[in-house]
Each structure stands twice: as C-alpha cells, then as structure tokens.
C-alpha cells in the first residue's frame, strides 16, 4: 500500500522522467545543421553590434513595469464592463472611480517623464568659488 506522499513522489519521478526522455529523444531525431545565422544573437531583427555585456538603460525596465501595471489594471476592467449593469449606478461609479485613478496615475507618470525614451541628463549644481568660500566662513563662525 502506497501512502499519499508516495503517490506524489511517484508522480514527480514520472514527470521528471518524461521531461528527460522528451529532451533526449528530441536531441536524437533533430537535424544538427548550425549556420552562422542560427548561431548569432537575435535582437529584434537587428544585427548585434559590440559586446553583449553592456549596461542597459534603466528606462527599458521602468517603461516595461509601467506597461505591466497599467495593462493588468486595464484587464481588470473587462469583467467590470461585462457585469456593471448588475450592480446599478453603484457599480458604474466604482468603475468610473477606477478609471479616474488610472488616468491620474498615467498623468503622474507622464508628468514625471517616465514615459519618455530620451530623458535629458540632469545638470548637477555648480558651486562657485565665492559661494563656497562664503559658506565655509559661515560654518567657521558657527563653530
């Protein structure tokens, strides 16, 4: 008699065995004809240039995260759009409030400049020598 944990263990063994056998069989029967084109890195149809170990601009990740956030929120509107009539005016206003929050969030991201691909580089403040000597004198007087 096999316990419940034994059944789970056997199921996991069969699953692992299935994956290993599928990969091994596919390696045996697939054609192996590597060409230069097949071995190059695919980057959206562009030929790669330079080293692959470059730092990507954080803007790519920020825009992707903003897209995911708003995409998920818009997907949440689909069920609401299908059933809001069942909840009457209260359901309509809740959905409208949700849309207003989405619009405020999008306006905030737009105003902040996170939706721009090419953001101007920040200019660090420059302290002139006269300002620096003035602040040093003020600090000396306070001590």
N, C-alpha and C. Protein backbone atom coordinates (compact mmCIF):
# COMPACT_ATOMS: atom_id res chain seq x y z
N UNK A 1 0.84 -1.17 0.00
CA UNK A 1 0.00 0.00 0.00
C UNK A 1 0.89 1.25 0.00
N UNK A 2 0.65 2.16 -0.94
CA UNK A 2 1.43 3.39 -1.08
C UNK A 2 0.69 4.52 -0.38
N UNK A 3 1.44 5.31 0.40
CA UNK A 3 0.83 6.45 1.07
C UNK A 3 0.62 7.58 0.06
N UNK A 4 -0.03 8.64 0.52
CA UNK A 4 -0.28 9.79 -0.35
C UNK A 4 1.02 10.46 -0.77
N UNK A 5 1.99 10.54 0.16
CA UNK A 5 3.29 11.11 -0.18
C UNK A 5 4.01 10.25 -1.20
N UNK A 6 3.85 8.94 -1.11
CA UNK A 6 4.45 8.03 -2.09
C UNK A 6 3.87 8.25 -3.48
N UNK A 7 2.57 8.49 -3.55
CA UNK A 7 1.92 8.75 -4.84
C UNK A 7 2.46 10.05 -5.45
N UNK A 8 2.62 11.07 -4.61
CA UNK A 8 3.15 12.34 -5.09
C UNK A 8 4.59 12.15 -5.56
N UNK A 9 5.37 11.38 -4.81
CA UNK A 9 6.76 11.12 -5.18
C UNK A 9 6.85 10.38 -6.52
N UNK A 10 6.01 9.38 -6.71
CA UNK A 10 5.98 8.64 -7.98
C UNK A 10 5.56 9.56 -9.12
N UNK A 11 4.58 10.41 -8.87
CA UNK A 11 4.14 11.36 -9.90
C UNK A 11 5.29 12.29 -10.30
N UNK A 12 6.04 12.81 -9.31
CA UNK A 12 7.18 13.68 -9.62
C UNK A 12 8.26 12.94 -10.39
N UNK A 13 8.53 11.70 -10.01
CA UNK A 13 9.53 10.91 -10.74
C UNK A 13 9.12 10.69 -12.19
N UNK A 14 7.85 10.37 -12.40
CA UNK A 14 7.35 10.17 -13.77
C UNK A 14 7.44 11.48 -14.56
N UNK A 15 7.11 12.60 -13.93
CA UNK A 15 7.17 13.90 -14.61
C UNK A 15 8.61 14.22 -15.01
N UNK A 16 9.56 14.01 -14.10
CA UNK A 16 10.97 14.28 -14.40
C UNK A 16 11.46 13.35 -15.49
N UNK A 17 11.10 12.08 -15.39
CA UNK A 17 11.50 11.11 -16.41
C UNK A 17 10.93 11.47 -17.78
N UNK A 18 9.68 11.92 -17.80
CA UNK A 18 9.06 12.32 -19.06
C UNK A 18 9.82 13.48 -19.72
N UNK A 19 10.20 14.46 -18.93
CA UNK A 19 10.94 15.61 -19.46
C UNK A 19 12.30 15.19 -19.98
N UNK A 20 13.02 14.37 -19.21
CA UNK A 20 14.35 13.93 -19.62
C UNK A 20 14.27 13.10 -20.89
N UNK A 21 13.31 12.19 -20.98
CA UNK A 21 13.17 11.35 -22.18
C UNK A 21 12.79 12.21 -23.37
N UNK A 22 11.89 13.17 -23.20
CA UNK A 22 11.49 14.03 -24.32
C UNK A 22 12.67 14.84 -24.85
N UNK A 23 13.50 15.38 -23.96
CA UNK A 23 14.67 16.14 -24.40
C UNK A 23 15.68 15.24 -25.09
N UNK A 24 15.90 14.03 -24.55
CA UNK A 24 16.86 13.10 -25.15
C UNK A 24 16.40 12.67 -26.53
N UNK A 25 15.13 12.34 -26.68
CA UNK A 25 14.62 11.90 -27.99
C UNK A 25 14.68 13.05 -28.99
N UNK A 26 14.36 14.26 -28.55
CA UNK A 26 14.41 15.39 -29.49
C UNK A 26 15.84 15.66 -29.94
N UNK A 27 16.82 15.46 -29.08
CA UNK A 27 18.22 15.62 -29.49
C UNK A 27 18.63 14.57 -30.49
N UNK A 28 18.10 13.37 -30.35
CA UNK A 28 18.47 12.29 -31.26
C UNK A 28 17.88 12.48 -32.65
N UNK A 29 16.64 12.96 -32.74
CA UNK A 29 15.97 13.00 -34.05
C UNK A 29 16.04 14.35 -34.74
N UNK A 30 16.49 15.39 -34.06
CA UNK A 30 16.52 16.71 -34.71
C UNK A 30 17.73 16.81 -35.64
N UNK A 31 17.61 17.58 -36.70
CA UNK A 31 18.77 17.80 -37.56
C UNK A 31 19.73 18.79 -36.90
N UNK A 32 21.01 18.56 -37.04
CA UNK A 32 22.02 19.45 -36.48
C UNK A 32 22.78 20.10 -37.61
N UNK A 33 22.28 21.24 -38.08
CA UNK A 33 22.92 21.99 -39.15
C UNK A 33 23.12 23.43 -38.72
N UNK A 34 24.05 23.69 -37.81
CA UNK A 34 24.25 25.07 -37.36
C UNK A 34 24.87 25.92 -38.47
N UNK A 35 24.34 27.11 -38.62
CA UNK A 35 24.89 28.07 -39.58
C UNK A 35 25.24 29.34 -38.81
N UNK A 36 25.90 30.23 -39.49
CA UNK A 36 26.27 31.50 -38.86
C UNK A 36 25.02 32.25 -38.39
N UNK A 37 23.99 32.27 -39.21
CA UNK A 37 22.75 32.98 -38.87
C UNK A 37 22.08 32.37 -37.65
N UNK A 38 22.08 31.03 -37.55
CA UNK A 38 21.45 30.38 -36.41
C UNK A 38 22.21 30.61 -35.11
N UNK A 39 23.51 30.82 -35.20
CA UNK A 39 24.32 30.97 -34.00
C UNK A 39 24.43 32.42 -33.53
N UNK A 40 23.95 33.38 -34.31
CA UNK A 40 24.02 34.77 -33.88
C UNK A 40 22.89 35.08 -32.91
N UNK A 41 23.11 36.11 -32.12
CA UNK A 41 22.10 36.54 -31.16
C UNK A 41 21.00 37.29 -31.91
N UNK A 42 19.76 36.96 -31.61
CA UNK A 42 18.63 37.63 -32.24
C UNK A 42 18.20 38.82 -31.39
N UNK A 43 18.24 40.00 -31.99
CA UNK A 43 17.81 41.21 -31.29
C UNK A 43 16.85 41.99 -32.17
N UNK A 44 15.63 41.53 -32.22
CA UNK A 44 14.55 42.23 -32.93
C UNK A 44 14.89 42.47 -34.40
N UNK A 45 15.54 41.53 -35.03
CA UNK A 45 15.84 41.67 -36.44
C UNK A 45 17.06 42.50 -36.74
N UNK A 46 17.71 43.05 -35.74
CA UNK A 46 18.90 43.87 -35.93
C UNK A 46 20.14 43.01 -35.73
N UNK A 47 21.16 43.28 -36.49
CA UNK A 47 22.43 42.59 -36.28
C UNK A 47 23.07 43.12 -35.01
N UNK A 48 23.51 42.23 -34.12
CA UNK A 48 24.12 42.71 -32.88
C UNK A 48 25.47 43.36 -33.16
N UNK A 49 25.72 44.44 -32.44
CA UNK A 49 26.99 45.15 -32.59
C UNK A 49 27.60 45.34 -31.22
N UNK A 50 28.87 45.11 -31.11
CA UNK A 50 29.57 45.32 -29.85
C UNK A 50 29.42 44.15 -28.90
N UNK A 51 29.85 44.38 -27.69
CA UNK A 51 29.85 43.35 -26.66
C UNK A 51 28.44 43.16 -26.10
N UNK A 52 28.06 41.92 -25.78
CA UNK A 52 26.76 41.72 -25.15
C UNK A 52 26.75 42.11 -23.68
N UNK A 53 27.90 42.39 -23.11
CA UNK A 53 27.99 42.72 -21.69
C UNK A 53 27.95 44.22 -21.46
N UNK A 54 26.95 44.87 -22.05
CA UNK A 54 26.80 46.31 -21.84
C UNK A 54 25.68 46.54 -20.84
N UNK A 55 25.70 47.71 -20.22
CA UNK A 55 24.64 48.05 -19.28
C UNK A 55 23.48 48.67 -20.06
N UNK A 56 22.29 48.13 -19.82
CA UNK A 56 21.10 48.69 -20.44
C UNK A 56 20.61 49.86 -19.61
N UNK A 57 20.03 50.80 -20.29
CA UNK A 57 19.44 51.94 -19.61
C UNK A 57 18.26 51.45 -18.77
N UNK A 58 18.15 51.94 -17.57
CA UNK A 58 17.07 51.53 -16.67
C UNK A 58 15.72 51.92 -17.23
N UNK A 59 15.69 52.82 -18.19
CA UNK A 59 14.43 53.27 -18.78
C UNK A 59 13.65 52.11 -19.40
N UNK A 60 14.35 51.14 -19.98
CA UNK A 60 13.66 49.99 -20.57
C UNK A 60 12.84 49.27 -19.51
N UNK A 61 13.43 49.07 -18.35
CA UNK A 61 12.75 48.33 -17.29
C UNK A 61 11.62 49.16 -16.68
N UNK A 62 11.83 50.45 -16.53
CA UNK A 62 10.80 51.31 -15.95
C UNK A 62 9.58 51.34 -16.86
N UNK A 63 9.79 51.52 -18.15
CA UNK A 63 8.67 51.55 -19.09
C UNK A 63 7.97 50.20 -19.12
N UNK A 64 8.73 49.10 -19.06
CA UNK A 64 8.12 47.77 -19.04
C UNK A 64 7.27 47.57 -17.79
N UNK A 65 7.76 48.02 -16.64
CA UNK A 65 6.98 47.88 -15.41
C UNK A 65 5.72 48.73 -15.44
N UNK A 66 5.84 49.94 -15.95
CA UNK A 66 4.65 50.80 -16.05
C UNK A 66 3.64 50.17 -17.00
N UNK A 67 4.11 49.61 -18.10
CA UNK A 67 3.20 48.93 -19.03
C UNK A 67 2.49 47.78 -18.34
N UNK A 68 3.23 46.97 -17.59
CA UNK A 68 2.61 45.83 -16.91
C UNK A 68 1.56 46.29 -15.90
N UNK A 69 1.88 47.32 -15.15
CA UNK A 69 0.94 47.81 -14.14
C UNK A 69 -0.36 48.26 -14.79
N UNK A 70 -0.26 49.10 -15.81
CA UNK A 70 -1.46 49.61 -16.45
C UNK A 70 -2.16 48.54 -17.27
N UNK A 71 -1.41 47.60 -17.82
CA UNK A 71 -2.01 46.52 -18.58
C UNK A 71 -2.86 45.64 -17.68
N UNK A 72 -2.36 45.30 -16.52
CA UNK A 72 -3.12 44.48 -15.58
C UNK A 72 -4.36 45.23 -15.11
N UNK A 73 -4.22 46.52 -14.87
CA UNK A 73 -5.38 47.29 -14.43
C UNK A 73 -6.45 47.38 -15.51
N UNK A 74 -6.02 47.50 -16.75
CA UNK A 74 -7.00 47.55 -17.84
C UNK A 74 -7.67 46.19 -18.01
N UNK A 75 -6.92 45.11 -17.80
CA UNK A 75 -7.52 43.77 -17.88
C UNK A 75 -8.59 43.60 -16.80
N UNK A 76 -8.40 44.25 -15.66
CA UNK A 76 -9.40 44.18 -14.60
C UNK A 76 -10.68 44.91 -14.98
N UNK A 77 -10.62 45.78 -15.97
CA UNK A 77 -11.82 46.49 -16.40
C UNK A 77 -12.75 45.61 -17.24
N UNK A 78 -12.22 44.56 -17.85
CA UNK A 78 -13.06 43.72 -18.72
C UNK A 78 -14.18 43.05 -17.93
N UNK A 79 -13.90 42.40 -16.80
CA UNK A 79 -15.03 41.82 -16.04
C UNK A 79 -16.01 42.89 -15.55
N UNK A 80 -15.49 44.04 -15.17
CA UNK A 80 -16.37 45.11 -14.73
C UNK A 80 -17.29 45.54 -15.86
N UNK A 81 -16.74 45.67 -17.07
CA UNK A 81 -17.55 46.11 -18.21
C UNK A 81 -18.64 45.10 -18.54
N UNK A 82 -18.40 43.83 -18.23
CA UNK A 82 -19.39 42.81 -18.53
C UNK A 82 -20.52 42.75 -17.52
N UNK A 83 -20.27 43.13 -16.26
CA UNK A 83 -21.28 42.94 -15.23
C UNK A 83 -21.68 44.22 -14.49
N UNK A 84 -21.22 45.37 -14.91
CA UNK A 84 -21.51 46.57 -14.12
C UNK A 84 -22.99 46.90 -14.09
N UNK A 85 -23.75 46.48 -15.10
CA UNK A 85 -25.19 46.76 -15.10
C UNK A 85 -25.91 46.03 -13.98
N UNK A 86 -25.37 44.89 -13.57
CA UNK A 86 -25.99 44.13 -12.48
C UNK A 86 -25.87 44.86 -11.15
N UNK A 87 -24.88 45.73 -11.02
CA UNK A 87 -24.66 46.44 -9.76
C UNK A 87 -25.26 47.84 -9.78
N UNK A 88 -25.90 48.21 -10.88
CA UNK A 88 -26.57 49.51 -10.96
C UNK A 88 -25.59 50.66 -10.99
N UNK A 89 -26.08 51.79 -10.48
CA UNK A 89 -25.27 53.00 -10.51
C UNK A 89 -24.05 52.89 -9.61
N UNK A 90 -24.15 52.15 -8.53
CA UNK A 90 -23.01 51.99 -7.62
C UNK A 90 -21.85 51.32 -8.36
N UNK A 91 -22.15 50.26 -9.10
CA UNK A 91 -21.11 49.58 -9.88
C UNK A 91 -20.53 50.48 -10.96
N UNK A 92 -21.39 51.30 -11.56
CA UNK A 92 -20.92 52.22 -12.58
C UNK A 92 -19.95 53.24 -11.99
N UNK A 93 -20.30 53.79 -10.82
CA UNK A 93 -19.44 54.80 -10.20
C UNK A 93 -18.13 54.21 -9.68
N UNK A 94 -18.18 52.98 -9.21
CA UNK A 94 -16.95 52.33 -8.76
C UNK A 94 -16.01 52.14 -9.95
N UNK A 95 -16.54 51.69 -11.09
CA UNK A 95 -15.73 51.56 -12.30
C UNK A 95 -15.22 52.90 -12.79
N UNK A 96 -16.08 53.91 -12.72
CA UNK A 96 -15.64 55.25 -13.12
C UNK A 96 -14.54 55.78 -12.22
N UNK A 97 -14.66 55.52 -10.92
CA UNK A 97 -13.62 55.93 -9.97
C UNK A 97 -12.31 55.22 -10.30
N UNK A 98 -12.38 53.94 -10.63
CA UNK A 98 -11.20 53.18 -11.01
C UNK A 98 -10.55 53.77 -12.26
N UNK A 99 -11.36 54.15 -13.24
CA UNK A 99 -10.83 54.78 -14.45
C UNK A 99 -10.19 56.13 -14.14
N UNK A 100 -10.78 56.89 -13.24
CA UNK A 100 -10.20 58.18 -12.86
C UNK A 100 -8.85 57.96 -12.18
N UNK A 101 -8.76 56.95 -11.31
CA UNK A 101 -7.47 56.64 -10.69
C UNK A 101 -6.44 56.23 -11.73
N UNK A 102 -6.85 55.45 -12.72
CA UNK A 102 -5.93 55.09 -13.81
C UNK A 102 -5.45 56.33 -14.55
N UNK A 103 -6.36 57.24 -14.84
CA UNK A 103 -6.00 58.45 -15.56
C UNK A 103 -5.05 59.32 -14.73
N UNK A 104 -5.29 59.41 -13.42
CA UNK A 104 -4.40 60.19 -12.56
C UNK A 104 -3.02 59.55 -12.52
N UNK A 105 -2.97 58.23 -12.41
CA UNK A 105 -1.69 57.53 -12.41
C UNK A 105 -0.93 57.72 -13.71
N UNK A 106 -1.64 57.65 -14.82
CA UNK A 106 -1.00 57.84 -16.12
C UNK A 106 -0.51 59.29 -16.27
N UNK A 107 -1.31 60.25 -15.83
CA UNK A 107 -0.89 61.65 -15.90
C UNK A 107 0.33 61.90 -15.02
N UNK A 108 0.37 61.25 -13.85
CA UNK A 108 1.52 61.39 -12.96
C UNK A 108 2.78 60.85 -13.62
N UNK A 109 2.70 59.66 -14.21
CA UNK A 109 3.86 59.07 -14.87
C UNK A 109 4.29 59.92 -16.07
N UNK A 110 3.33 60.46 -16.79
CA UNK A 110 3.64 61.30 -17.96
C UNK A 110 4.33 62.58 -17.49
N UNK A 111 3.77 63.21 -16.46
CA UNK A 111 4.32 64.47 -15.94
C UNK A 111 5.72 64.26 -15.37
N UNK A 112 5.92 63.12 -14.73
CA UNK A 112 7.21 62.80 -14.14
C UNK A 112 8.26 62.54 -15.22
N UNK A 113 7.81 62.20 -16.43
CA UNK A 113 8.74 61.96 -17.53
C UNK A 113 9.16 60.52 -17.67
N UNK A 114 8.48 59.61 -16.97
CA UNK A 114 8.87 58.20 -17.05
C UNK A 114 8.42 57.53 -18.35
N UNK A 115 7.60 58.17 -19.13
CA UNK A 115 7.16 57.58 -20.40
C UNK A 115 8.01 58.05 -21.57
N UNK A 116 8.98 58.92 -21.32
CA UNK A 116 9.86 59.42 -22.37
C UNK A 116 11.05 58.49 -22.53
N UNK A 117 11.39 58.17 -23.77
CA UNK A 117 12.54 57.30 -24.00
C UNK A 117 13.84 58.05 -23.79
N UNK A 118 13.89 59.28 -24.28
CA UNK A 118 15.13 60.05 -24.21
C UNK A 118 14.93 61.16 -23.19
N UNK A 119 15.44 60.94 -22.03
CA UNK A 119 15.29 61.91 -20.95
C UNK A 119 16.53 62.78 -20.90
N UNK A 120 16.39 64.09 -20.73
CA UNK A 120 17.58 64.94 -20.65
C UNK A 120 18.40 64.59 -19.42
N UNK A 121 19.71 64.66 -19.58
CA UNK A 121 20.60 64.35 -18.46
C UNK A 121 20.52 65.47 -17.43
N UNK A 122 20.45 65.09 -16.15
CA UNK A 122 20.37 66.14 -15.13
C UNK A 122 21.68 66.91 -15.04
N UNK A 123 21.55 68.19 -14.85
CA UNK A 123 22.72 69.06 -14.71
C UNK A 123 23.01 69.21 -13.22
N UNK A 124 24.16 68.72 -12.77
CA UNK A 124 24.47 68.88 -11.34
C UNK A 124 24.71 70.34 -11.01
N UNK A 125 24.34 70.75 -9.81
CA UNK A 125 24.56 72.15 -9.45
C UNK A 125 26.04 72.45 -9.34
N UNK A 126 26.41 73.62 -9.78
CA UNK A 126 27.81 74.05 -9.73
C UNK A 126 27.94 75.11 -8.65
N UNK A 127 28.87 74.86 -7.75
CA UNK A 127 29.11 75.83 -6.67
C UNK A 127 30.29 76.70 -7.07
N UNK A 128 30.03 77.97 -7.14
CA UNK A 128 31.09 78.90 -7.50
C UNK A 128 32.02 79.09 -6.30
N UNK A 129 33.25 79.50 -6.58
CA UNK A 129 34.23 79.65 -5.51
C UNK A 129 33.78 80.68 -4.48
N UNK A 130 33.14 81.75 -4.92
CA UNK A 130 32.71 82.77 -3.97
C UNK A 130 31.64 82.21 -3.03
N UNK A 131 30.71 81.40 -3.55
CA UNK A 131 29.68 80.79 -2.72
C UNK A 131 30.31 79.79 -1.75
N UNK A 132 31.31 79.03 -2.23
CA UNK A 132 31.97 78.05 -1.39
C UNK A 132 32.72 78.72 -0.25
N UNK A 133 33.48 79.77 -0.56
CA UNK A 133 34.22 80.46 0.50
C UNK A 133 33.25 81.13 1.48
N UNK A 134 32.13 81.65 0.99
CA UNK A 134 31.13 82.28 1.86
C UNK A 134 30.55 81.25 2.82
N UNK A 135 30.21 80.04 2.30
CA UNK A 135 29.63 79.02 3.17
C UNK A 135 30.65 78.49 4.18
N UNK A 136 31.95 78.40 3.78
CA UNK A 136 32.98 77.97 4.70
C UNK A 136 33.17 78.98 5.82
N UNK A 137 33.10 80.29 5.48
CA UNK A 137 33.22 81.33 6.50
C UNK A 137 32.06 81.27 7.48
N UNK A 138 30.84 81.01 6.97
CA UNK A 138 29.68 80.91 7.83
C UNK A 138 29.79 79.72 8.78
N UNK A 139 30.32 78.60 8.29
CA UNK A 139 30.50 77.43 9.12
C UNK A 139 31.56 77.69 10.19
N UNK A 140 32.61 78.41 9.84
CA UNK A 140 33.68 78.71 10.80
C UNK A 140 33.16 79.61 11.91
N UNK A 141 32.27 80.55 11.55
CA UNK A 141 31.72 81.46 12.55
C UNK A 141 30.82 80.70 13.50
N UNK A 142 30.05 79.72 12.98
CA UNK A 142 29.12 78.96 13.83
C UNK A 142 29.87 78.08 14.81
N UNK A 143 31.04 77.57 14.44
CA UNK A 143 31.81 76.67 15.33
C UNK A 143 32.48 77.48 16.33
